[in-house]
Amino acid sequence: MPSTSPIHPSIHPQRVLTRTNLEQFSKAINLAALKDPSVRISHHINSLNAQKSLRFDAFRLNEASSFTLHLSL
């Protein structure tokens, strides 16, 4: 079962964001990665999704669990 603990207060599993807070979201991801070097973020564009979402698979190197962040375009 995926972990539900956020790596940063602004980053939560299954969080859907709009284009207007993309910059803030990106900064939060970068800040989380800087604070915890074990955090890895991979970017996958789900072109089959009718809502054109950008999916971020985030995980920690020391944990088996991961979670997915969704960004609505």
Protein backbone atom coordinates (compact mmCIF):
# COMPACT_ATOMS: atom_id res chain seq x y z
CA MET A 1 0.00 0.00 0.00
CA PRO A 2 1.47 3.40 -0.98
CA SER A 3 2.58 5.76 1.73
CA THR A 4 0.27 8.68 2.39
CA SER A 5 2.75 10.80 4.30
CA PRO A 6 3.68 13.94 2.35
CA ILE A 7 7.34 14.68 1.60
CA HIS A 8 6.50 18.37 1.83
CA PRO A 9 3.42 20.20 3.13
CA SER A 10 2.56 21.27 -0.43
CA ILE A 11 3.00 17.81 -1.96
CA HIS A 12 0.34 15.23 -1.25
CA PRO A 13 -0.60 11.95 -2.93
CA GLN A 14 -3.18 12.34 -5.70
CA ARG A 15 -3.13 16.12 -5.45
CA VAL A 16 -4.55 17.80 -8.52
CA LEU A 17 -3.17 21.21 -9.37
CA THR A 18 -3.92 23.82 -11.99
CA ARG A 19 -1.59 25.67 -14.33
CA THR A 20 -1.72 28.75 -12.10
CA ASN A 21 0.16 27.09 -9.24
CA LEU A 22 2.54 25.04 -11.40
CA GLU A 23 5.46 27.31 -10.50
CA GLN A 24 4.75 27.01 -6.77
CA PHE A 25 4.37 23.25 -7.14
CA SER A 26 7.70 22.96 -8.97
CA LYS A 27 9.43 24.99 -6.28
CA ALA A 28 7.93 22.73 -3.60
CA ILE A 29 9.22 19.62 -5.36
CA ASN A 30 12.68 21.13 -5.75
CA LEU A 31 12.70 22.20 -2.10
CA ALA A 32 11.69 18.71 -0.97
CA ALA A 33 14.43 17.17 -3.10
CA LEU A 34 17.00 19.59 -1.67
CA LYS A 35 15.93 18.89 1.91
CA ASP A 36 15.93 15.15 1.39
CA PRO A 37 18.42 13.85 -1.22
CA SER A 38 16.74 10.44 -1.13
CA VAL A 39 13.66 11.85 -2.86
CA ARG A 40 13.46 11.06 -6.54
CA ILE A 41 10.84 12.50 -8.87
CA SER A 42 10.18 11.03 -12.28
CA HIS A 43 7.95 12.68 -14.84
CA HIS A 44 5.54 10.76 -17.01
CA ILE A 45 3.12 12.39 -19.42
CA ASN A 46 -0.01 10.31 -19.65
CA SER A 47 -1.10 11.08 -23.21
CA LEU A 48 -3.99 8.61 -22.96
CA ASN A 49 -5.63 10.63 -20.21
CA ALA A 50 -8.47 12.73 -21.62
CA GLN A 51 -7.76 15.36 -18.97
CA LYS A 52 -4.14 15.70 -20.15
CA SER A 53 -2.61 15.19 -16.74
CA LEU A 54 1.06 15.16 -15.91
CA ARG A 55 1.90 12.43 -13.44
CA PHE A 56 4.77 12.66 -10.98
CA ASP A 57 5.90 9.38 -9.46
CA ALA A 58 7.70 10.29 -6.25
CA PHE A 59 9.52 7.90 -4.00
CA ARG A 60 12.28 7.72 -1.44
CA LEU A 61 15.32 5.54 -1.93
CA ASN A 62 14.98 4.16 1.59
CA GLU A 63 11.30 3.22 1.25
CA ALA A 64 9.61 0.60 -0.87
CA SER A 65 6.42 2.63 -1.19
CA SER A 66 5.77 5.43 -3.64
CA PHE A 67 2.98 7.82 -4.43
CA THR A 68 1.71 9.61 -7.49
CA LEU A 69 1.05 13.30 -7.95
CA HIS A 70 -1.26 14.48 -10.71
CA LEU A 71 -1.02 17.87 -12.37
CA SER A 72 -3.94 18.95 -14.51
CA LEU A 73 -3.07 20.80 -17.69
